[in-house]
Full PDB file with SEQRES, HELIX, SHEET, SSBOND, CRYST1, ORIGX, SCALE, CONECT and MASTER records, all heavy atoms in Angstrom:
SEQRES   1 A   37  LEU PHE GLY ILE PHE LEU LEU LEU GLY ALA VAL VAL MET          
SEQRES   2 A   37  ALA ASP GLU ARG PHE ILE LYS ALA ILE ASP ARG ASP TRP          
SEQRES   3 A   37  PRO ILE LEU LEU ALA ALA ALA LEU PRO LEU THR                  
HELIX    1 AA1 PHE A    2  ALA A   14  1                                  13    
HELIX    2 AA2 GLU A   16  LEU A   36  1                                  21    
CRYST1    1.000    1.000    1.000  90.00  90.00  90.00 P 1           1          
ORIGX1      1.000000  0.000000  0.000000        0.00000                         
ORIGX2      0.000000  1.000000  0.000000        0.00000                         
ORIGX3      0.000000  0.000000  1.000000        0.00000                         
SCALE1      1.000000  0.000000  0.000000        0.00000                         
SCALE2      0.000000  1.000000  0.000000        0.00000                         
SCALE3      0.000000  0.000000  1.000000        0.00000                         
ATOM      1  N   LEU A   1       0.825  -1.209   0.000  1.00  0.00           N  
ATOM      2  CA  LEU A   1       0.000   0.000   0.000  1.00  0.00           C  
ATOM      3  C   LEU A   1       0.857   1.256   0.000  1.00  0.00           C  
ATOM      4  O   LEU A   1       0.634   2.178  -0.799  1.00  0.00           O  
ATOM      5  CB  LEU A   1      -0.920  -0.010   1.225  1.00  0.00           C  
ATOM      6  CG  LEU A   1      -1.835   1.200   1.377  1.00  0.00           C  
ATOM      7  CD1 LEU A   1      -2.907   1.217   0.296  1.00  0.00           C  
ATOM      8  CD2 LEU A   1      -2.483   1.223   2.762  1.00  0.00           C  
ATOM      9  N   PHE A   2       1.860   1.302   0.886  1.00  0.00           N  
ATOM     10  CA  PHE A   2       2.690   2.494   0.973  1.00  0.00           C  
ATOM     11  C   PHE A   2       3.553   2.669  -0.276  1.00  0.00           C  
ATOM     12  O   PHE A   2       3.810   3.790  -0.711  1.00  0.00           O  
ATOM     13  CB  PHE A   2       3.565   2.424   2.223  1.00  0.00           C  
ATOM     14  CG  PHE A   2       2.774   2.384   3.509  1.00  0.00           C  
ATOM     15  CD1 PHE A   2       3.260   1.704   4.619  1.00  0.00           C  
ATOM     16  CD2 PHE A   2       1.551   3.020   3.611  1.00  0.00           C  
ATOM     17  CE1 PHE A   2       2.532   1.656   5.800  1.00  0.00           C  
ATOM     18  CE2 PHE A   2       0.812   2.982   4.801  1.00  0.00           C  
ATOM     19  CZ  PHE A   2       1.309   2.291   5.891  1.00  0.00           C  
ATOM     20  N   GLY A   3       4.015   1.561  -0.853  1.00  0.00           N  
ATOM     21  CA  GLY A   3       4.772   1.656  -2.087  1.00  0.00           C  
ATOM     22  C   GLY A   3       3.942   2.226  -3.217  1.00  0.00           C  
ATOM     23  O   GLY A   3       4.427   3.050  -4.017  1.00  0.00           O  
ATOM     24  N   ILE A   4       2.683   1.819  -3.297  1.00  0.00           N  
ATOM     25  CA  ILE A   4       1.791   2.348  -4.336  1.00  0.00           C  
ATOM     26  C   ILE A   4       1.573   3.841  -4.141  1.00  0.00           C  
ATOM     27  O   ILE A   4       1.601   4.627  -5.097  1.00  0.00           O  
ATOM     28  CB  ILE A   4       0.462   1.581  -4.333  1.00  0.00           C  
ATOM     29  CG1 ILE A   4       0.688   0.151  -4.841  1.00  0.00           C  
ATOM     30  CG2 ILE A   4      -0.579   2.287  -5.189  1.00  0.00           C  
ATOM     31  CD1 ILE A   4      -0.491  -0.770  -4.632  1.00  0.00           C  
ATOM     32  N   PHE A   5       1.362   4.264  -2.905  1.00  0.00           N  
ATOM     33  CA  PHE A   5       1.160   5.694  -2.655  1.00  0.00           C  
ATOM     34  C   PHE A   5       2.426   6.492  -2.959  1.00  0.00           C  
ATOM     35  O   PHE A   5       2.349   7.635  -3.421  1.00  0.00           O  
ATOM     36  CB  PHE A   5       0.694   5.928  -1.219  1.00  0.00           C  
ATOM     37  CG  PHE A   5      -0.807   5.948  -1.084  1.00  0.00           C  
ATOM     38  CD1 PHE A   5      -1.511   4.761  -0.923  1.00  0.00           C  
ATOM     39  CD2 PHE A   5      -1.514   7.126  -1.141  1.00  0.00           C  
ATOM     40  CE1 PHE A   5      -2.895   4.754  -0.815  1.00  0.00           C  
ATOM     41  CE2 PHE A   5      -2.893   7.139  -1.032  1.00  0.00           C  
ATOM     42  CZ  PHE A   5      -3.593   5.952  -0.872  1.00  0.00           C  
ATOM     43  N   LEU A   6       3.581   5.919  -2.694  1.00  0.00           N  
ATOM     44  CA  LEU A   6       4.824   6.600  -3.048  1.00  0.00           C  
ATOM     45  C   LEU A   6       4.900   6.811  -4.561  1.00  0.00           C  
ATOM     46  O   LEU A   6       5.227   7.909  -5.035  1.00  0.00           O  
ATOM     47  CB  LEU A   6       6.020   5.795  -2.551  1.00  0.00           C  
ATOM     48  CG  LEU A   6       7.399   6.468  -2.618  1.00  0.00           C  
ATOM     49  CD1 LEU A   6       8.302   5.929  -1.512  1.00  0.00           C  
ATOM     50  CD2 LEU A   6       8.082   6.254  -3.961  1.00  0.00           C  
ATOM     51  N   LEU A   7       4.577   5.769  -5.319  1.00  0.00           N  
ATOM     52  CA  LEU A   7       4.582   5.890  -6.774  1.00  0.00           C  
ATOM     53  C   LEU A   7       3.525   6.883  -7.258  1.00  0.00           C  
ATOM     54  O   LEU A   7       3.764   7.645  -8.202  1.00  0.00           O  
ATOM     55  CB  LEU A   7       4.356   4.530  -7.414  1.00  0.00           C  
ATOM     56  CG  LEU A   7       5.514   3.530  -7.324  1.00  0.00           C  
ATOM     57  CD1 LEU A   7       5.108   2.199  -7.925  1.00  0.00           C  
ATOM     58  CD2 LEU A   7       6.759   4.070  -8.043  1.00  0.00           C  
ATOM     59  N   LEU A   8       2.361   6.872  -6.618  1.00  0.00           N  
ATOM     60  CA  LEU A   8       1.319   7.820  -7.010  1.00  0.00           C  
ATOM     61  C   LEU A   8       1.766   9.261  -6.780  1.00  0.00           C  
ATOM     62  O   LEU A   8       1.452  10.153  -7.578  1.00  0.00           O  
ATOM     63  CB  LEU A   8       0.032   7.534  -6.229  1.00  0.00           C  
ATOM     64  CG  LEU A   8      -0.740   6.277  -6.632  1.00  0.00           C  
ATOM     65  CD1 LEU A   8      -1.898   6.039  -5.680  1.00  0.00           C  
ATOM     66  CD2 LEU A   8      -1.240   6.379  -8.063  1.00  0.00           C  
ATOM     67  N   GLY A   9       2.504   9.489  -5.702  1.00  0.00           N  
ATOM     68  CA  GLY A   9       3.025  10.826  -5.468  1.00  0.00           C  
ATOM     69  C   GLY A   9       3.963  11.267  -6.581  1.00  0.00           C  
ATOM     70  O   GLY A   9       3.915  12.412  -7.040  1.00  0.00           O  
ATOM     71  N   ALA A  10       4.817  10.346  -7.028  1.00  0.00           N  
ATOM     72  CA  ALA A  10       5.727  10.660  -8.128  1.00  0.00           C  
ATOM     73  C   ALA A  10       4.954  10.941  -9.409  1.00  0.00           C  
ATOM     74  O   ALA A  10       5.268  11.890 -10.143  1.00  0.00           O  
ATOM     75  CB  ALA A  10       6.710   9.508  -8.326  1.00  0.00           C  
ATOM     76  N   VAL A  11       3.935  10.123  -9.687  1.00  0.00           N  
ATOM     77  CA  VAL A  11       3.133  10.311 -10.904  1.00  0.00           C  
ATOM     78  C   VAL A  11       2.435  11.663 -10.888  1.00  0.00           C  
ATOM     79  O   VAL A  11       2.410  12.377 -11.902  1.00  0.00           O  
ATOM     80  CB  VAL A  11       2.110   9.158 -11.042  1.00  0.00           C  
ATOM     81  CG1 VAL A  11       1.080   9.473 -12.126  1.00  0.00           C  
ATOM     82  CG2 VAL A  11       2.823   7.851 -11.373  1.00  0.00           C  
ATOM     83  N   VAL A  12       1.865  12.033  -9.747  1.00  0.00           N  
ATOM     84  CA  VAL A  12       1.157  13.307  -9.641  1.00  0.00           C  
ATOM     85  C   VAL A  12       2.096  14.478  -9.915  1.00  0.00           C  
ATOM     86  O   VAL A  12       1.713  15.480 -10.541  1.00  0.00           O  
ATOM     87  CB  VAL A  12       0.508  13.429  -8.241  1.00  0.00           C  
ATOM     88  CG1 VAL A  12       0.089  14.862  -7.943  1.00  0.00           C  
ATOM     89  CG2 VAL A  12      -0.696  12.494  -8.148  1.00  0.00           C  
ATOM     90  N   MET A  13       3.347  14.360  -9.462  1.00  0.00           N  
ATOM     91  CA  MET A  13       4.303  15.448  -9.681  1.00  0.00           C  
ATOM     92  C   MET A  13       4.838  15.479 -11.109  1.00  0.00           C  
ATOM     93  O   MET A  13       5.428  16.470 -11.527  1.00  0.00           O  
ATOM     94  CB  MET A  13       5.480  15.305  -8.709  1.00  0.00           C  
ATOM     95  CG  MET A  13       5.175  15.757  -7.309  1.00  0.00           C  
ATOM     96  SD  MET A  13       4.603  17.469  -7.207  1.00  0.00           S  
ATOM     97  CE  MET A  13       6.064  18.345  -7.745  1.00  0.00           C  
ATOM     98  N   ALA A  14       4.633  14.405 -11.859  1.00  0.00           N  
ATOM     99  CA  ALA A  14       5.235  14.296 -13.187  1.00  0.00           C  
ATOM    100  C   ALA A  14       4.488  15.089 -14.249  1.00  0.00           C  
ATOM    101  O   ALA A  14       5.049  15.344 -15.327  1.00  0.00           O  
ATOM    102  CB  ALA A  14       5.307  12.824 -13.605  1.00  0.00           C  
ATOM    103  N   ASP A  15       3.248  15.476 -13.985  1.00  0.00           N  
ATOM    104  CA  ASP A  15       2.465  16.192 -14.994  1.00  0.00           C  
ATOM    105  C   ASP A  15       1.572  17.205 -14.290  1.00  0.00           C  
ATOM    106  O   ASP A  15       0.823  16.859 -13.368  1.00  0.00           O  
ATOM    107  CB  ASP A  15       1.614  15.201 -15.796  1.00  0.00           C  
ATOM    108  CG  ASP A  15       1.056  15.814 -17.077  1.00  0.00           C  
ATOM    109  OD1 ASP A  15       0.369  16.858 -16.989  1.00  0.00           O  
ATOM    110  OD2 ASP A  15       1.296  15.239 -18.157  1.00  0.00           O  
ATOM    111  N   GLU A  16       1.656  18.441 -14.729  1.00  0.00           N  
ATOM    112  CA  GLU A  16       0.920  19.525 -14.071  1.00  0.00           C  
ATOM    113  C   GLU A  16      -0.591  19.333 -14.154  1.00  0.00           C  
ATOM    114  O   GLU A  16      -1.342  19.884 -13.337  1.00  0.00           O  
ATOM    115  CB  GLU A  16       1.306  20.861 -14.704  1.00  0.00           C  
ATOM    116  CG  GLU A  16       0.778  22.081 -13.961  1.00  0.00           C  
ATOM    117  CD  GLU A  16       1.261  23.380 -14.573  1.00  0.00           C  
ATOM    118  OE1 GLU A  16       2.156  23.335 -15.441  1.00  0.00           O  
ATOM    119  OE2 GLU A  16       0.726  24.427 -14.186  1.00  0.00           O  
ATOM    120  N   ARG A  17      -1.050  18.515 -15.107  1.00  0.00           N  
ATOM    121  CA  ARG A  17      -2.490  18.300 -15.232  1.00  0.00           C  
ATOM    122  C   ARG A  17      -3.070  17.600 -14.015  1.00  0.00           C  
ATOM    123  O   ARG A  17      -4.245  17.801 -13.669  1.00  0.00           O  
ATOM    124  CB  ARG A  17      -2.782  17.508 -16.509  1.00  0.00           C  
ATOM    125  CG  ARG A  17      -2.631  18.320 -17.792  1.00  0.00           C  
ATOM    126  CD  ARG A  17      -2.807  17.457 -19.027  1.00  0.00           C  
ATOM    127  NE  ARG A  17      -1.656  16.570 -19.224  1.00  0.00           N  
ATOM    128  CZ  ARG A  17      -1.551  15.736 -20.261  1.00  0.00           C  
ATOM    129  NH1 ARG A  17      -2.525  15.669 -21.168  1.00  0.00           N  
ATOM    130  NH2 ARG A  17      -0.483  14.961 -20.392  1.00  0.00           N  
ATOM    131  N   PHE A  18      -2.270  16.770 -13.349  1.00  0.00           N  
ATOM    132  CA  PHE A  18      -2.748  16.132 -12.119  1.00  0.00           C  
ATOM    133  C   PHE A  18      -3.006  17.172 -11.036  1.00  0.00           C  
ATOM    134  O   PHE A  18      -4.019  17.111 -10.327  1.00  0.00           O  
ATOM    135  CB  PHE A  18      -1.728  15.115 -11.615  1.00  0.00           C  
ATOM    136  CG  PHE A  18      -1.599  13.887 -12.468  1.00  0.00           C  
ATOM    137  CD1 PHE A  18      -0.400  13.596 -13.100  1.00  0.00           C  
ATOM    138  CD2 PHE A  18      -2.668  13.030 -12.639  1.00  0.00           C  
ATOM    139  CE1 PHE A  18      -0.264  12.462 -13.884  1.00  0.00           C  
ATOM    140  CE2 PHE A  18      -2.544  11.888 -13.422  1.00  0.00           C  
ATOM    141  CZ  PHE A  18      -1.340  11.604 -14.051  1.00  0.00           C  
ATOM    142  N   ILE A  19      -2.089  18.111 -10.887  1.00  0.00           N  
ATOM    143  CA  ILE A  19      -2.240  19.156  -9.866  1.00  0.00           C  
ATOM    144  C   ILE A  19      -3.469  20.009 -10.163  1.00  0.00           C  
ATOM    145  O   ILE A  19      -4.233  20.355  -9.252  1.00  0.00           O  
ATOM    146  CB  ILE A  19      -0.977  20.022  -9.796  1.00  0.00           C  
ATOM    147  CG1 ILE A  19       0.254  19.169  -9.464  1.00  0.00           C  
ATOM    148  CG2 ILE A  19      -1.149  21.133  -8.770  1.00  0.00           C  
ATOM    149  CD1 ILE A  19       0.176  18.474  -8.120  1.00  0.00           C  
ATOM    150  N   LYS A  20      -3.672  20.330 -11.425  1.00  0.00           N  
ATOM    151  CA  LYS A  20      -4.862  21.104 -11.794  1.00  0.00           C  
ATOM    152  C   LYS A  20      -6.134  20.315 -11.490  1.00  0.00           C  
ATOM    153  O   LYS A  20      -7.139  20.893 -11.053  1.00  0.00           O  
ATOM    154  CB  LYS A  20      -4.798  21.476 -13.271  1.00  0.00           C  
ATOM    155  CG  LYS A  20      -3.707  22.490 -13.608  1.00  0.00           C  
ATOM    156  CD  LYS A  20      -3.702  22.824 -15.093  1.00  0.00           C  
ATOM    157  CE  LYS A  20      -2.642  23.870 -15.408  1.00  0.00           C  
ATOM    158  NZ  LYS A  20      -2.591  24.199 -16.862  1.00  0.00           N  
ATOM    159  N   ALA A  21      -6.082  19.000 -11.724  1.00  0.00           N  
ATOM    160  CA  ALA A  21      -7.249  18.165 -11.423  1.00  0.00           C  
ATOM    161  C   ALA A  21      -7.516  18.118  -9.928  1.00  0.00           C  
ATOM    162  O   ALA A  21      -8.681  18.122  -9.497  1.00  0.00           O  
ATOM    163  CB  ALA A  21      -7.032  16.762 -11.977  1.00  0.00           C  
ATOM    164  N   ILE A  22      -6.456  18.068  -9.115  1.00  0.00           N  
ATOM    165  CA  ILE A  22      -6.636  18.086  -7.661  1.00  0.00           C  
ATOM    166  C   ILE A  22      -7.253  19.408  -7.218  1.00  0.00           C  
ATOM    167  O   ILE A  22      -8.183  19.438  -6.402  1.00  0.00           O  
ATOM    168  CB  ILE A  22      -5.297  17.845  -6.951  1.00  0.00           C  
ATOM    169  CG1 ILE A  22      -4.783  16.428  -7.225  1.00  0.00           C  
ATOM    170  CG2 ILE A  22      -5.439  18.067  -5.441  1.00  0.00           C  
ATOM    171  CD1 ILE A  22      -3.382  16.163  -6.713  1.00  0.00           C  
ATOM    172  N   ASP A  23      -6.727  20.510  -7.756  1.00  0.00           N  
ATOM    173  CA  ASP A  23      -7.276  21.827  -7.417  1.00  0.00           C  
ATOM    174  C   ASP A  23      -8.760  21.917  -7.771  1.00  0.00           C  
ATOM    175  O   ASP A  23      -9.542  22.551  -7.052  1.00  0.00           O  
ATOM    176  CB  ASP A  23      -6.507  22.922  -8.153  1.00  0.00           C  
ATOM    177  CG  ASP A  23      -5.085  23.091  -7.643  1.00  0.00           C  
ATOM    178  OD1 ASP A  23      -4.817  22.638  -6.514  1.00  0.00           O  
ATOM    179  OD2 ASP A  23      -4.250  23.658  -8.366  1.00  0.00           O  
ATOM    180  N   ARG A  24      -9.142  21.271  -8.851  1.00  0.00           N  
ATOM    181  CA  ARG A  24     -10.529  21.321  -9.314  1.00  0.00           C  
ATOM    182  C   ARG A  24     -11.445  20.378  -8.536  1.00  0.00           C  
ATOM    183  O   ARG A  24     -12.581  20.725  -8.197  1.00  0.00           O  
ATOM    184  CB  ARG A  24     -10.560  20.958 -10.800  1.00  0.00           C  
ATOM    185  CG  ARG A  24     -11.939  20.962 -11.452  1.00  0.00           C  
ATOM    186  CD  ARG A  24     -11.901  20.205 -12.764  1.00  0.00           C  
ATOM    187  NE  ARG A  24     -11.637  18.781 -12.554  1.00  0.00           N  
ATOM    188  CZ  ARG A  24     -10.984  18.005 -13.415  1.00  0.00           C  
ATOM    189  NH1 ARG A  24     -10.505  18.498 -14.536  1.00  0.00           N  
ATOM    190  NH2 ARG A  24     -10.790  16.714 -13.140  1.00  0.00           N  
ATOM    191  N   ASP A  25     -10.951  19.177  -8.231  1.00  0.00           N  
ATOM    192  CA  ASP A  25     -11.822  18.104  -7.740  1.00  0.00           C  
ATOM    193  C   ASP A  25     -11.788  17.875  -6.238  1.00  0.00           C  
ATOM    194  O   ASP A  25     -12.562  17.045  -5.741  1.00  0.00           O  
ATOM    195  CB  ASP A  25     -11.452  16.780  -8.427  1.00  0.00           C  
ATOM    196  CG  ASP A  25     -11.916  16.735  -9.879  1.00  0.00           C  
ATOM    197  OD1 ASP A  25     -12.620  17.666 -10.302  1.00  0.00           O  
ATOM    198  OD2 ASP A  25     -11.556  15.778 -10.591  1.00  0.00           O  
ATOM    199  N   TRP A  26     -10.913  18.558  -5.480  1.00  0.00           N  
ATOM    200  CA  TRP A  26     -10.811  18.193  -4.077  1.00  0.00           C  
ATOM    201  C   TRP A  26     -12.130  18.351  -3.312  1.00  0.00           C  
ATOM    202  O   TRP A  26     -12.414  17.541  -2.404  1.00  0.00           O  
ATOM    203  CB  TRP A  26      -9.669  18.945  -3.383  1.00  0.00           C  
ATOM    204  CG  TRP A  26      -9.872  20.399  -3.113  1.00  0.00           C  
ATOM    205  CD1 TRP A  26      -9.421  21.442  -3.853  1.00  0.00           C  
ATOM    206  CD2 TRP A  26     -10.572  20.973  -1.996  1.00  0.00           C  
ATOM    207  NE1 TRP A  26      -9.811  22.630  -3.288  1.00  0.00           N  
ATOM    208  CE2 TRP A  26     -10.507  22.358  -2.139  1.00  0.00           C  
ATOM    209  CE3 TRP A  26     -11.237  20.443  -0.901  1.00  0.00           C  
ATOM    210  CZ2 TRP A  26     -11.086  23.246  -1.239  1.00  0.00           C  
ATOM    211  CZ3 TRP A  26     -11.826  21.308   0.018  1.00  0.00           C  
ATOM    212  CH2 TRP A  26     -11.750  22.692  -0.163  1.00  0.00           C  
ATOM    213  N   PRO A  27     -13.005  19.328  -3.639  1.00  0.00           N  
ATOM    214  CA  PRO A  27     -14.303  19.343  -2.921  1.00  0.00           C  
ATOM    215  C   PRO A  27     -15.149  18.104  -3.221  1.00  0.00           C  
ATOM    216  O   PRO A  27     -15.848  17.597  -2.327  1.00  0.00           O  
ATOM    217  CB  PRO A  27     -14.977  20.618  -3.448  1.00  0.00           C  
ATOM    218  CG  PRO A  27     -13.847  21.489  -3.920  1.00  0.00           C  
ATOM    219  CD  PRO A  27     -12.859  20.532  -4.496  1.00  0.00           C  
ATOM    220  N   ILE A  28     -15.101  17.605  -4.464  1.00  0.00           N  
ATOM    221  CA  ILE A  28     -15.832  16.386  -4.805  1.00  0.00           C  
ATOM    222  C   ILE A  28     -15.255  15.200  -4.042  1.00  0.00           C  
ATOM    223  O   ILE A  28     -15.994  14.343  -3.530  1.00  0.00           O  
ATOM    224  CB  ILE A  28     -15.759  16.131  -6.323  1.00  0.00           C  
ATOM    225  CG1 ILE A  28     -16.389  17.297  -7.085  1.00  0.00           C  
ATOM    226  CG2 ILE A  28     -16.433  14.818  -6.693  1.00  0.00           C  
ATOM    227  CD1 ILE A  28     -16.222  17.191  -8.586  1.00  0.00           C  
ATOM    228  N   LEU A  29     -13.936  15.139  -3.966  1.00  0.00           N  
ATOM    229  CA  LEU A  29     -13.273  14.052  -3.241  1.00  0.00           C  
ATOM    230  C   LEU A  29     -13.584  14.115  -1.748  1.00  0.00           C  
ATOM    231  O   LEU A  29     -13.724  13.080  -1.090  1.00  0.00           O  
ATOM    232  CB  LEU A  29     -11.767  14.117  -3.480  1.00  0.00           C  
ATOM    233  CG  LEU A  29     -11.332  13.914  -4.937  1.00  0.00           C  
ATOM    234  CD1 LEU A  29      -9.866  14.292  -5.122  1.00  0.00           C  
ATOM    235  CD2 LEU A  29     -11.568  12.471  -5.366  1.00  0.00           C  
ATOM    236  N   LEU A  30     -13.711  15.314  -1.216  1.00  0.00           N  
ATOM    237  CA  LEU A  30     -14.099  15.466   0.180  1.00  0.00           C  
ATOM    238  C   LEU A  30     -15.514  14.933   0.406  1.00  0.00           C  
ATOM    239  O   LEU A  30     -15.790  14.248   1.402  1.00  0.00           O  
ATOM    240  CB  LEU A  30     -14.029  16.936   0.600  1.00  0.00           C  
ATOM    241  CG  LEU A  30     -14.487  17.279   2.022  1.00  0.00           C  
ATOM    242  CD1 LEU A  30     -13.645  16.539   3.056  1.00  0.00           C  
ATOM    243  CD2 LEU A  30     -14.423  18.784   2.257  1.00  0.00           C  
ATOM    244  N   ALA A  31     -16.405  15.223  -0.534  1.00  0.00           N  
ATOM    245  CA  ALA A  31     -17.772  14.718  -0.431  1.00  0.00           C  
ATOM    246  C   ALA A  31     -17.810  13.193  -0.480  1.00  0.00           C  
ATOM    247  O   ALA A  31     -18.676  12.569   0.141  1.00  0.00           O  
ATOM    248  CB  ALA A  31     -18.628  15.303  -1.558  1.00  0.00           C  
ATOM    249  N   ALA A  32     -16.876  12.588  -1.210  1.00  0.00           N  
ATOM    250  CA  ALA A  32     -16.802  11.121  -1.244  1.00  0.00           C  
ATOM    251  C   ALA A  32     -16.146  10.566   0.008  1.00  0.00           C  
ATOM    252  O   ALA A  32     -16.534   9.505   0.512  1.00  0.00           O  
ATOM    253  CB  ALA A  32     -16.026  10.680  -2.484  1.00  0.00           C  
ATOM    254  N   ALA A  33     -15.145  11.281   0.535  1.00  0.00           N  
ATOM    255  CA  ALA A  33     -14.388  10.777   1.682  1.00  0.00           C  
ATOM    256  C   ALA A  33     -15.212  10.767   2.961  1.00  0.00           C  
ATOM    257  O   ALA A  33     -15.055   9.874   3.803  1.00  0.00           O  
ATOM    258  CB  ALA A  33     -13.128  11.617   1.884  1.00  0.00           C  
ATOM    259  N   LEU A  34     -16.085  11.719   3.148  1.00  0.00           N  
ATOM    260  CA  LEU A  34     -16.829  11.816   4.405  1.00  0.00           C  
ATOM    261  C   LEU A  34     -17.723  10.596   4.653  1.00  0.00           C  
ATOM    262  O   LEU A  34     -17.642   9.994   5.739  1.00  0.00           O  
ATOM    263  CB  LEU A  34     -17.651  13.109   4.421  1.00  0.00           C  
ATOM    264  CG  LEU A  34     -16.823  14.394   4.551  1.00  0.00           C  
ATOM    265  CD1 LEU A  34     -17.719  15.616   4.408  1.00  0.00           C  
ATOM    266  CD2 LEU A  34     -16.073  14.433   5.868  1.00  0.00           C  
ATOM    267  N   PRO A  35     -18.566  10.173   3.704  1.00  0.00           N  
ATOM    268  CA  PRO A  35     -19.357   8.959   3.984  1.00  0.00           C  
ATOM    269  C   PRO A  35     -18.499   7.703   4.065  1.00  0.00           C  
ATOM    270  O   PRO A  35     -18.810   6.793   4.843  1.00  0.00           O  
ATOM    271  CB  PRO A  35     -20.333   8.895   2.800  1.00  0.00           C  
ATOM    272  CG  PRO A  35     -19.722   9.722   1.727  1.00  0.00           C  
ATOM    273  CD  PRO A  35     -18.962  10.795   2.426  1.00  0.00           C  
ATOM    274  N   LEU A  36     -17.419   7.632   3.269  1.00  0.00           N  
ATOM    275  CA  LEU A  36     -16.521   6.482   3.371  1.00  0.00           C  
ATOM    276  C   LEU A  36     -15.911   6.399   4.765  1.00  0.00           C  
ATOM    277  O   LEU A  36     -15.773   5.307   5.337  1.00  0.00           O  
ATOM    278  CB  LEU A  36     -15.418   6.581   2.319  1.00  0.00           C  
ATOM    279  CG  LEU A  36     -15.798   6.259   0.877  1.00  0.00           C  
ATOM    280  CD1 LEU A  36     -14.644   6.609  -0.061  1.00  0.00           C  
ATOM    281  CD2 LEU A  36     -16.177   4.794   0.728  1.00  0.00           C  
ATOM    282  N   THR A  37     -15.542   7.541   5.317  1.00  0.00           N  
ATOM    283  CA  THR A  37     -14.958   7.582   6.660  1.00  0.00           C  
ATOM    284  C   THR A  37     -15.951   7.076   7.700  1.00  0.00           C  
ATOM    285  O   THR A  37     -15.588   6.317   8.608  1.00  0.00           O  
ATOM    286  CB  THR A  37     -14.506   9.012   6.998  1.00  0.00           C  
ATOM    287  OG1 THR A  37     -13.497   9.425   6.060  1.00  0.00           O  
ATOM    288  CG2 THR A  37     -13.948   9.092   8.402  1.00  0.00           C  
TER     289      THR A  37                                                      
MASTER        0    0    0    2    0    0    0    6  288    1    0    3          
END                                                                             
């Protein structure tokens, strides 16, 4: 699990489009995370 997250961190930093997607979608992800929690 931790190895996958480490790789995901590298992938996210490799292309600026990921960062833009995070900036855009984090409220949606928060709405998904709350009931999952």
